[in-house]
């Protein structure tokens, strides 16, 4: 057992965005403006006018995002996309694969009429905007090509857009940690409770920007990989959690968003998770805004390259909702247009006596923060929310009984929340010894909290 991981049990251990459609019939040369900002694409790079030249015929390319006017695009209600006073244009209105995309005087032609589709593609003349290669290197020219919705053809348009609705609720997935706490057989727990998904914890740095289970165990061939294989073999799925309260994490160790995304990709390739969860905590990630931004920009790349893998972020909360660091994370995810599928809070360690009421209060605070940042309705905000609790006794001796956890689950289901978890299956056993890594400290039978979670 790692003692640093046992106290506070998690020590709160646990603790792109696309436009659905734009009206794109060219109706004139002075359109109403829908939104202005960056267009991001393959590798998290920005659509850029080469050398910031406004000359007709200037190549449009991918380039590291830098906030210059050469990367400031205005989407118009007439279907135009404009920068530097010119329009995004298909050279000579040709529909041939490989035709150059450039800027040109706005003229209302079909070569300047773009449709943003729900699959993330940007279309003109029946073809898709495409990063050649595919490559995300600075200076990669953009072209049109037959549409495939591949990663190099998916684009995130400027503000005024919101991510697409979540594609259904994630199954209840309690955390399972193979590093200590007498980890049970996952398939035995599945058989006993009906649970079909687990959140596997934690991916940390194995030195630099190298992902490892708990910072030391290999991604493949070890106990974690064997457990995941058994879960999948029994018809289940896994979420993979990165970070947590303690340990050497990837966020501070990966020097760029692309490097962070590359480390996450190694895990996705090795594990094949349905969800990747980023447990952003403590002073090294949560309150370090340079690292926060690195992670958020990295998640844009992860989603771009893995559109079918859901992204969750998990963070602590106060009784009335996220603290200043959590609000900043939410607002910055909106500012950067990060396609996060679920914002999960950890509503415990309040020092309060009514964990159900405190959880509801914290969740309503999260809802209001999401509504404020994204402009969502109550229902849209709930559909992007999750709860990750702590079964039994918390580090501050709050008590979550099986009855309270059932109450919390039913509240979450009634409001359409889409993620539900707790720390941890290892602790989902009865004991009289209080807070430990192998039991909950409250009256229960084996796996009661997991059984309740399976009903989510």
Protein backbone atom coordinates (compact mmCIF):
# COMPACT_ATOMS: atom_id res chain seq x y z
CA UNK A 1 0.00 0.00 0.00
CA UNK A 2 1.19 3.48 -0.79
CA UNK A 3 0.45 5.40 2.44
CA UNK A 4 0.34 8.72 0.58
CA UNK A 5 -2.58 7.35 -1.40
CA UNK A 6 -4.56 5.95 1.53
CA UNK A 7 -5.30 8.98 3.64
CA UNK A 8 -8.07 11.07 2.30
CA UNK A 9 -8.46 7.96 0.23
CA UNK A 10 -7.81 9.47 -3.01
CA UNK A 11 -6.50 12.27 -0.90
CA UNK A 12 -9.07 13.34 -3.28
CA UNK A 13 -6.79 11.12 -5.24
CA UNK A 14 -9.67 10.72 -7.32
CA UNK A 15 -10.79 13.37 -6.38
CA UNK A 16 -13.98 19.21 -31.67
CA UNK A 17 -16.58 21.27 -30.46
CA UNK A 18 -18.52 21.44 -33.65
CA UNK A 19 -21.19 23.58 -35.23
CA UNK A 20 -24.18 21.45 -36.16
CA UNK A 21 -24.91 23.52 -39.22
CA UNK A 22 -24.53 27.00 -40.60
CA UNK A 23 -26.89 28.49 -43.14
CA UNK A 24 -24.61 28.64 -46.12
CA UNK A 25 -26.27 30.11 -49.14
CA UNK A 26 -24.22 33.02 -50.43
CA UNK A 27 -26.59 35.96 -50.41
CA UNK A 28 -24.33 38.97 -50.62
CA UNK A 29 -20.97 40.43 -49.88
CA UNK A 30 -21.75 42.00 -46.51
CA UNK A 31 -22.96 39.15 -44.29
CA UNK A 32 -24.22 39.25 -40.74
CA UNK A 33 -21.42 37.97 -38.54
CA UNK A 34 -22.08 34.73 -36.69
CA UNK A 35 -18.80 34.55 -34.74
CA UNK A 36 -15.16 35.58 -34.89
CA UNK A 37 -12.13 33.67 -33.63
CA UNK A 38 -9.78 30.81 -34.36
CA UNK A 39 -10.57 27.74 -36.44
CA UNK A 40 -8.70 24.75 -35.05
CA UNK A 41 -8.05 21.43 -36.71
CA UNK A 42 -5.61 18.57 -37.04
CA UNK A 43 -3.10 18.36 -34.21
CA UNK A 44 -4.77 21.29 -32.44
CA UNK A 45 -3.28 23.72 -34.96
CA UNK A 46 -5.01 26.84 -36.29
CA UNK A 47 -6.18 27.69 -39.80
CA UNK A 48 -3.76 30.46 -40.81
CA UNK A 49 -3.17 32.82 -43.74
CA UNK A 50 0.44 32.33 -44.80
CA UNK A 51 2.67 35.26 -43.81
CA UNK A 52 -0.49 37.20 -42.83
CA UNK A 53 -0.68 38.37 -46.45
CA UNK A 54 -3.99 39.70 -47.72
CA UNK A 55 -2.96 39.25 -51.37
CA UNK A 56 -5.39 37.31 -53.55
CA UNK A 57 -4.27 33.69 -53.86
CA UNK A 58 -2.40 33.52 -50.55
CA UNK A 59 -2.24 29.92 -49.34
CA UNK A 60 -4.24 28.97 -46.24
CA UNK A 61 -2.36 26.58 -43.98
CA UNK A 62 -2.12 24.97 -40.55
CA UNK A 63 0.02 26.76 -38.01
CA UNK A 64 0.56 26.86 -34.26
CA UNK A 65 -2.16 29.02 -32.72
CA UNK A 66 -0.78 32.47 -31.94
CA UNK A 67 -3.72 34.85 -31.71
CA UNK A 68 -2.73 36.95 -34.73
CA UNK A 69 -5.11 38.45 -37.29
CA UNK A 70 -3.96 35.81 -39.76
CA UNK A 71 -5.83 33.31 -37.57
CA UNK A 72 -8.90 35.41 -36.80
CA UNK A 73 -11.80 34.15 -38.90
CA UNK A 74 -15.35 35.44 -39.10
CA UNK A 75 -18.12 33.04 -40.05
CA UNK A 76 -20.93 34.77 -41.90
CA UNK A 77 -24.57 33.84 -42.18
CA UNK A 78 -24.06 33.81 -45.96
CA UNK A 79 -21.63 30.90 -45.72
CA UNK A 80 -18.44 32.92 -46.07
CA UNK A 81 -15.45 32.52 -43.78
CA UNK A 82 -13.34 35.68 -43.73
CA UNK A 83 -9.90 36.83 -42.57
CA UNK A 84 -7.83 39.93 -43.34
CA UNK A 85 -10.78 41.33 -45.32
CA UNK A 86 -10.79 38.40 -47.76
CA UNK A 87 -12.79 35.16 -48.11
CA UNK A 88 -11.76 31.54 -47.73
CA UNK A 89 -11.80 30.35 -51.34
CA UNK A 90 -11.29 27.20 -53.41
CA UNK A 91 -8.84 28.05 -56.19
CA UNK A 92 -10.54 28.46 -59.58
CA UNK A 93 -13.72 26.86 -58.11
CA UNK A 94 -12.20 23.49 -59.01
CA UNK A 95 -13.63 20.33 -57.44
CA UNK A 96 -10.49 18.28 -58.11
CA UNK A 97 -8.93 16.55 -55.11
CA UNK A 98 -5.90 18.50 -53.97
CA UNK A 99 -7.15 21.91 -55.11
CA UNK A 100 -5.53 24.70 -53.13
CA UNK A 101 -7.53 26.63 -50.54
CA UNK A 102 -6.63 30.30 -50.42
CA UNK A 103 -7.96 33.73 -49.56
CA UNK A 104 -9.50 35.87 -52.29
CA UNK A 105 -11.71 38.92 -52.74
CA UNK A 106 -15.23 38.02 -51.57
CA UNK A 107 -17.42 37.49 -54.63
CA UNK A 108 -20.42 35.42 -53.53
CA UNK A 109 -19.41 32.39 -55.59
CA UNK A 110 -19.89 28.75 -54.63
CA UNK A 111 -16.12 28.49 -54.16
CA UNK A 112 -16.57 30.71 -51.07
CA UNK A 113 -19.72 29.11 -49.67
CA UNK A 114 -18.89 26.73 -46.79
CA UNK A 115 -21.08 24.32 -44.84
CA UNK A 116 -20.12 23.19 -41.34
CA UNK A 117 -21.47 19.65 -40.96
CA UNK A 118 -22.33 17.79 -37.77
CA UNK A 119 -19.43 15.35 -38.36
CA UNK A 120 -16.96 18.23 -37.98
CA UNK A 121 -16.19 18.65 -41.65
CA UNK A 122 -16.21 21.98 -43.47
CA UNK A 123 -17.52 21.60 -47.03
CA UNK A 124 -17.50 23.57 -50.28
CA UNK A 125 -18.25 22.42 -53.83
CA UNK A 126 -19.11 18.96 -52.49
CA UNK A 127 -15.60 18.43 -51.07
CA UNK A 128 -14.07 18.82 -47.61
CA UNK A 129 -11.44 21.16 -46.22
CA UNK A 130 -8.45 18.89 -45.68
CA UNK A 131 -4.97 19.17 -44.13
CA UNK A 132 -2.60 17.64 -46.67
CA UNK A 133 -0.49 14.65 -45.73
CA UNK A 134 -2.21 14.26 -43.34
CA UNK A 135 0.21 16.40 -41.40
CA UNK A 136 -0.11 18.86 -38.54
CA UNK A 137 3.30 20.45 -39.13
CA UNK A 138 3.41 24.23 -39.24
CA UNK A 139 2.90 25.36 -42.82
CA UNK A 140 0.86 22.33 -43.90
CA UNK A 141 -1.24 23.63 -46.82
CA UNK A 142 -4.99 23.18 -46.79
CA UNK A 143 -6.81 21.73 -49.78
CA UNK A 144 -10.15 20.22 -50.69
CA UNK A 145 -10.58 16.45 -50.87
CA UNK A 146 -13.24 13.77 -50.94
CA UNK A 147 -15.00 13.79 -47.57
CA UNK A 148 -14.10 11.02 -45.12
CA UNK A 149 -14.54 12.84 -41.77
CA UNK A 150 -11.00 11.72 -40.89
CA UNK A 151 -9.10 13.63 -38.21
CA UNK A 152 -7.46 15.92 -40.77
CA UNK A 153 -10.90 16.95 -42.05
CA UNK A 154 -12.51 17.89 -38.73
CA UNK A 155 -12.60 21.51 -37.66
CA UNK A 156 -13.73 23.54 -34.66
CA UNK A 157 -15.19 26.91 -35.62
CA UNK A 158 -15.02 30.15 -33.63
CA UNK A 159 -17.12 31.02 -30.56
CA UNK A 160 -20.86 31.07 -30.64
CA UNK A 161 -20.81 27.30 -30.98
CA UNK A 162 -21.35 24.57 -28.44
CA UNK A 163 -20.25 20.94 -28.42
CA UNK A 164 -22.69 18.41 -29.83
CA UNK A 165 -25.05 16.76 -27.37
CA UNK A 166 -23.65 13.78 -25.51
CA UNK A 167 -24.26 10.49 -27.28
CA UNK A 168 -26.04 8.85 -24.38
CA UNK A 169 -25.34 8.31 -20.72
CA UNK A 170 -22.14 6.61 -19.57
CA UNK A 171 -22.73 3.50 -17.45
CA UNK A 172 -22.10 3.75 -13.73
CA UNK A 173 -18.37 3.11 -13.36
CA UNK A 174 -16.90 2.93 -9.85
CA UNK A 175 -13.15 3.38 -9.51
CA UNK A 176 -11.04 0.24 -9.33
CA UNK A 177 -7.43 0.68 -8.26
CA UNK A 178 -4.91 -2.12 -8.76
CA UNK A 179 -2.14 -0.48 -6.71
CA UNK A 180 -3.36 -1.37 -3.21
CA UNK A 181 -6.44 -2.19 -1.19
CA UNK A 182 -6.73 -5.90 -2.00
CA UNK A 183 -8.23 -5.29 -5.43
CA UNK A 184 -11.10 -7.70 -6.01
CA UNK A 185 -11.70 -9.71 -9.14
CA UNK A 186 -13.47 -7.35 -11.48
CA UNK A 187 -15.40 -10.10 -13.20
CA UNK A 188 -16.57 -11.51 -9.86
CA UNK A 189 -17.87 -8.08 -8.90
CA UNK A 190 -19.57 -7.79 -12.30
CA UNK A 191 -21.28 -11.13 -11.76
CA UNK A 192 -22.39 -10.22 -8.23
CA UNK A 193 -23.66 -6.71 -8.92
CA UNK A 194 -24.55 -6.31 -12.59
CA UNK A 195 -22.05 -3.47 -13.00
CA UNK A 196 -20.64 -3.32 -16.53
CA UNK A 197 -18.02 -0.60 -16.35
CA UNK A 198 -15.13 0.45 -14.12
CA UNK A 199 -12.99 3.56 -13.93
CA UNK A 200 -9.42 2.28 -13.82
CA UNK A 201 -7.02 4.45 -11.83
CA UNK A 202 -4.53 6.09 -12.18
CA UNK A 203 -2.32 6.98 -15.13
CA UNK A 204 0.69 8.99 -13.94
CA UNK A 205 4.11 9.90 -15.28
CA UNK A 206 6.61 7.08 -15.39
CA UNK A 207 9.30 9.73 -15.86
CA UNK A 208 8.79 12.75 -18.08
CA UNK A 209 5.91 12.55 -20.51
CA UNK A 210 5.71 8.74 -20.33
CA UNK A 211 2.38 7.27 -19.17
CA UNK A 212 2.35 4.37 -16.72
CA UNK A 213 -0.22 2.87 -14.39
CA UNK A 214 0.46 4.51 -11.04
CA UNK A 215 3.67 5.86 -12.56
CA UNK A 216 5.33 2.45 -12.53
CA UNK A 217 3.26 -0.38 -13.96
CA UNK A 218 3.35 -0.98 -17.73
CA UNK A 219 0.40 -0.07 -19.95
CA UNK A 220 0.30 -3.60 -21.35
CA UNK A 221 1.11 -7.01 -19.94
CA UNK A 222 0.57 -6.20 -16.25
CA UNK A 223 -2.25 -6.58 -13.76
CA UNK A 224 -4.09 -3.50 -15.01
CA UNK A 225 -4.11 -4.68 -18.62
CA UNK A 226 -5.11 -8.19 -17.56
CA UNK A 227 -8.02 -6.80 -15.53
CA UNK A 228 -9.19 -4.62 -18.40
CA UNK A 229 -9.04 -7.57 -20.77
CA UNK A 230 -11.14 -9.63 -18.37
CA UNK A 231 -13.71 -6.81 -18.01
CA UNK A 232 -14.04 -6.52 -21.77
CA UNK A 233 -14.18 -10.28 -22.13
CA UNK A 234 -17.16 -10.30 -19.78
CA UNK A 235 -18.94 -7.75 -21.93
CA UNK A 236 -17.92 -4.66 -19.98
CA UNK A 237 -16.11 -1.41 -20.74
CA UNK A 238 -13.58 0.78 -18.99
CA UNK A 239 -12.92 4.40 -18.30
CA UNK A 240 -9.31 5.37 -17.64
CA UNK A 241 -8.48 8.07 -15.12
CA UNK A 242 -5.39 10.27 -15.40
CA UNK A 243 -3.95 12.22 -12.49
CA UNK A 244 -5.55 12.42 -9.05
CA UNK A 245 -4.48 14.25 -5.92
CA UNK A 246 -0.94 12.94 -5.53
CA UNK A 247 1.88 11.41 -7.54
CA UNK A 248 3.93 12.57 -10.50
CA UNK A 249 1.41 13.56 -13.16
CA UNK A 250 1.57 13.96 -16.91
CA UNK A 251 0.19 17.51 -16.99
CA UNK A 252 3.27 19.14 -15.42
CA UNK A 253 5.69 16.74 -17.16
CA UNK A 254 4.48 16.98 -20.76
CA UNK A 255 5.90 20.23 -22.13
CA UNK A 256 3.22 21.01 -24.73
CA UNK A 257 -0.45 20.21 -25.41
CA UNK A 258 0.65 18.00 -28.30
CA UNK A 259 3.02 16.06 -26.04
CA UNK A 260 0.28 15.61 -23.44
CA UNK A 261 -2.14 14.44 -26.14
CA UNK A 262 0.52 12.03 -27.40
CA UNK A 263 0.85 10.46 -23.95
CA UNK A 264 -2.93 10.10 -23.69
CA UNK A 265 -2.95 8.54 -27.16
CA UNK A 266 -0.48 5.88 -25.99
CA UNK A 267 -2.96 4.90 -23.29
CA UNK A 268 -5.93 4.93 -25.65
CA UNK A 269 -4.04 2.75 -28.11
CA UNK A 270 -3.03 0.31 -25.37
CA UNK A 271 -6.32 0.13 -23.47
CA UNK A 272 -9.15 1.04 -25.85
CA UNK A 273 -11.25 2.88 -23.24
CA UNK A 274 -14.76 4.17 -23.81
CA UNK A 275 -13.95 7.23 -21.68
CA UNK A 276 -10.79 9.05 -20.64
CA UNK A 277 -11.16 10.88 -17.33
CA UNK A 278 -8.79 13.67 -16.27
CA UNK A 279 -8.78 14.04 -12.49
CA UNK A 280 -7.36 17.57 -12.25
CA UNK A 281 -6.36 18.37 -8.69
CA UNK A 282 -3.88 20.04 -6.36
CA UNK A 283 -1.37 22.83 -6.95
CA UNK A 284 0.49 21.07 -9.75
CA UNK A 285 -2.51 20.95 -12.12
CA UNK A 286 -5.74 22.44 -10.74
CA UNK A 287 -4.41 25.77 -9.47
CA UNK A 288 -1.51 25.93 -11.95
CA UNK A 289 -3.20 27.68 -14.86
CA UNK A 290 -0.33 27.06 -17.26
CA UNK A 291 -0.80 23.32 -16.71
CA UNK A 292 -4.61 23.66 -16.78
CA UNK A 293 -4.36 25.24 -20.22
CA UNK A 294 -1.87 22.63 -21.41
CA UNK A 295 -4.28 19.86 -20.44
CA UNK A 296 -7.31 21.60 -21.98
CA UNK A 297 -5.54 22.29 -25.27
CA UNK A 298 -4.27 18.72 -25.25
CA UNK A 299 -7.82 17.42 -24.84
CA UNK A 300 -8.82 19.20 -28.05
CA UNK A 301 -6.21 17.14 -29.88
CA UNK A 302 -7.29 13.95 -28.12
CA UNK A 303 -10.92 14.47 -29.17
CA UNK A 304 -9.92 15.44 -32.69
CA UNK A 305 -8.05 12.15 -33.10
CA UNK A 306 -10.51 10.00 -31.11
CA UNK A 307 -14.01 11.35 -31.77
CA UNK A 308 -15.69 8.23 -30.36
CA UNK A 309 -13.87 8.34 -27.02
CA UNK A 310 -15.68 10.47 -24.42
CA UNK A 311 -13.69 13.00 -22.38
CA UNK A 312 -14.48 13.69 -18.72
CA UNK A 313 -12.79 16.10 -16.36
CA UNK A 314 -13.06 15.48 -12.61
CA UNK A 315 -12.32 18.07 -9.93
CA UNK A 316 -13.16 19.07 -6.38
CA UNK A 317 -15.98 21.33 -5.29
CA UNK A 318 -17.37 23.36 -2.42
CA UNK A 319 -20.85 22.90 -1.01
CA UNK A 320 -22.18 25.63 -3.29
CA UNK A 321 -20.33 24.49 -6.40
CA UNK A 322 -16.86 24.72 -7.93
CA UNK A 323 -14.29 27.01 -6.31
CA UNK A 324 -12.36 29.68 -8.21
CA UNK A 325 -10.05 27.11 -9.83
CA UNK A 326 -13.01 25.01 -10.94
CA UNK A 327 -14.84 28.05 -12.32
CA UNK A 328 -11.69 29.03 -14.16
CA UNK A 329 -11.38 25.52 -15.64
CA UNK A 330 -14.99 25.64 -16.86
CA UNK A 331 -14.71 29.15 -18.29
CA UNK A 332 -11.39 28.38 -19.95
CA UNK A 333 -12.77 25.21 -21.52
CA UNK A 334 -15.43 27.43 -23.07
CA UNK A 335 -12.93 30.09 -24.15
CA UNK A 336 -10.79 27.44 -25.84
CA UNK A 337 -13.88 25.57 -27.13
CA UNK A 338 -12.74 22.26 -25.65
CA UNK A 339 -15.14 19.39 -26.48
CA UNK A 340 -15.54 18.01 -22.95
CA UNK A 341 -18.32 15.44 -22.71
CA UNK A 342 -18.67 15.52 -18.94
CA UNK A 343 -17.70 17.75 -16.02
CA UNK A 344 -17.61 15.58 -12.88
CA UNK A 345 -17.39 16.97 -9.37
CA UNK A 346 -16.26 15.19 -6.19
CA UNK A 347 -18.85 16.30 -3.61
CA UNK A 348 -17.29 15.22 -0.32
CA UNK A 349 -14.85 16.41 2.35
CA UNK A 350 -17.16 19.32 3.11
CA UNK A 351 -17.16 18.60 6.83
CA UNK A 352 -20.96 18.65 6.69
CA UNK A 353 -23.48 16.22 8.12
CA UNK A 354 -25.95 15.76 5.23
CA UNK A 355 -24.05 14.35 2.28
CA UNK A 356 -27.17 14.14 0.10
CA UNK A 357 -28.12 17.79 0.51
CA UNK A 358 -24.51 18.89 0.15
CA UNK A 359 -24.12 16.87 -3.05
CA UNK A 360 -27.29 18.37 -4.52
CA UNK A 361 -26.16 21.89 -3.59
CA UNK A 362 -22.70 21.37 -5.12
CA UNK A 363 -24.21 19.87 -8.26
CA UNK A 364 -26.61 22.78 -8.69
CA UNK A 365 -23.64 25.12 -8.38
CA UNK A 366 -21.87 23.20 -11.13
CA UNK A 367 -24.99 23.40 -13.30
CA UNK A 368 -25.15 27.16 -12.88
CA UNK A 369 -21.45 27.54 -13.72
CA UNK A 370 -21.89 25.50 -16.91
CA UNK A 371 -24.97 27.48 -17.91
CA UNK A 372 -23.10 30.74 -17.37
CA UNK A 373 -20.05 29.64 -19.37
CA UNK A 374 -21.73 27.82 -22.25
CA UNK A 375 -25.18 29.40 -22.44
CA UNK A 376 -26.86 26.04 -21.90
CA UNK A 377 -30.31 25.30 -20.54
CA UNK A 378 -30.72 23.35 -17.29
CA UNK A 379 -31.21 20.13 -19.25
CA UNK A 380 -28.15 20.72 -21.42
CA UNK A 381 -26.01 21.44 -18.37
CA UNK A 382 -27.22 18.37 -16.46
CA UNK A 383 -26.42 16.26 -19.53
CA UNK A 384 -22.76 17.35 -19.22
CA UNK A 385 -22.48 16.65 -15.50
CA UNK A 386 -21.27 13.80 -13.34
CA UNK A 387 -20.87 12.91 -9.65
CA UNK A 388 -17.94 11.01 -8.18
CA UNK A 389 -18.56 10.27 -4.51
CA UNK A 390 -16.76 8.51 -1.68
CA UNK A 391 -18.52 5.49 -0.29
CA UNK A 392 -18.79 5.11 3.47
CA UNK A 393 -16.55 7.38 5.52
CA UNK A 394 -14.63 10.22 3.88
CA UNK A 395 -11.32 11.52 5.17
CA UNK A 396 -13.24 14.13 7.18
CA UNK A 397 -15.50 11.40 8.60
CA UNK A 398 -18.55 12.39 6.59
CA UNK A 399 -20.80 9.39 6.15
CA UNK A 400 -22.29 8.23 2.86
CA UNK A 401 -24.53 5.28 3.65
CA UNK A 402 -25.98 2.96 1.05
CA UNK A 403 -29.32 4.72 1.54
CA UNK A 404 -27.75 8.14 0.91
CA UNK A 405 -25.88 6.85 -2.16
CA UNK A 406 -29.15 5.47 -3.53
CA UNK A 407 -30.76 8.87 -2.95
CA UNK A 408 -27.89 10.63 -4.75
CA UNK A 409 -28.08 8.17 -7.65
CA UNK A 410 -31.81 8.66 -8.05
CA UNK A 411 -31.43 12.46 -7.99
CA UNK A 412 -28.74 12.23 -10.69
CA UNK A 413 -30.85 9.92 -12.85
CA UNK A 414 -33.94 12.11 -12.54
CA UNK A 415 -32.04 15.16 -13.77
CA UNK A 416 -30.27 13.46 -16.64
CA UNK A 417 -26.67 13.47 -15.36
CA UNK A 418 -24.46 11.32 -17.56
CA UNK A 419 -21.63 10.09 -15.32
CA UNK A 420 -21.71 8.41 -11.92
CA UNK A 421 -18.77 6.97 -9.99
CA UNK A 422 -17.33 6.52 -6.50
CA UNK A 423 -14.01 5.83 -4.82
CA UNK A 424 -13.73 2.87 -4.72
CA UNK A 425 -14.65 -0.75 -5.40
CA UNK A 426 -11.64 -1.68 -3.23
CA UNK A 427 -13.47 -0.05 -0.29
CA UNK A 428 -16.90 -1.49 -1.08
CA UNK A 429 -16.79 -3.99 1.79
CA UNK A 430 -17.92 -3.86 5.42
CA UNK A 431 -15.56 -3.37 8.38
CA UNK A 432 -15.57 -2.07 11.91
CA UNK A 433 -12.16 -0.44 11.77
CA UNK A 434 -13.18 2.86 10.20
CA UNK A 435 -11.50 4.48 7.23
CA UNK A 436 -9.17 2.10 5.39
CA UNK A 437 -8.26 1.28 1.81
CA UNK A 438 -10.10 -2.07 1.91
CA UNK A 439 -13.50 -1.23 3.43
CA UNK A 440 -16.04 1.56 3.79
CA UNK A 441 -16.37 1.91 7.55
CA UNK A 442 -20.19 1.75 7.39
CA UNK A 443 -22.65 -1.15 7.71
CA UNK A 444 -23.07 -2.87 4.36
CA UNK A 445 -22.64 -6.12 2.49
CA UNK A 446 -19.88 -6.71 -0.03
CA UNK A 447 -20.31 -4.56 -3.18
CA UNK A 448 -23.48 -2.74 -2.09
CA UNK A 449 -22.29 0.64 -3.40
CA UNK A 450 -21.26 -0.97 -6.69
CA UNK A 451 -24.67 -2.59 -6.98
CA UNK A 452 -26.36 0.78 -6.46
CA UNK A 453 -24.03 2.42 -9.00
CA UNK A 454 -24.83 -0.29 -11.55
CA UNK A 455 -28.43 0.93 -11.38
CA UNK A 456 -27.44 4.31 -12.77
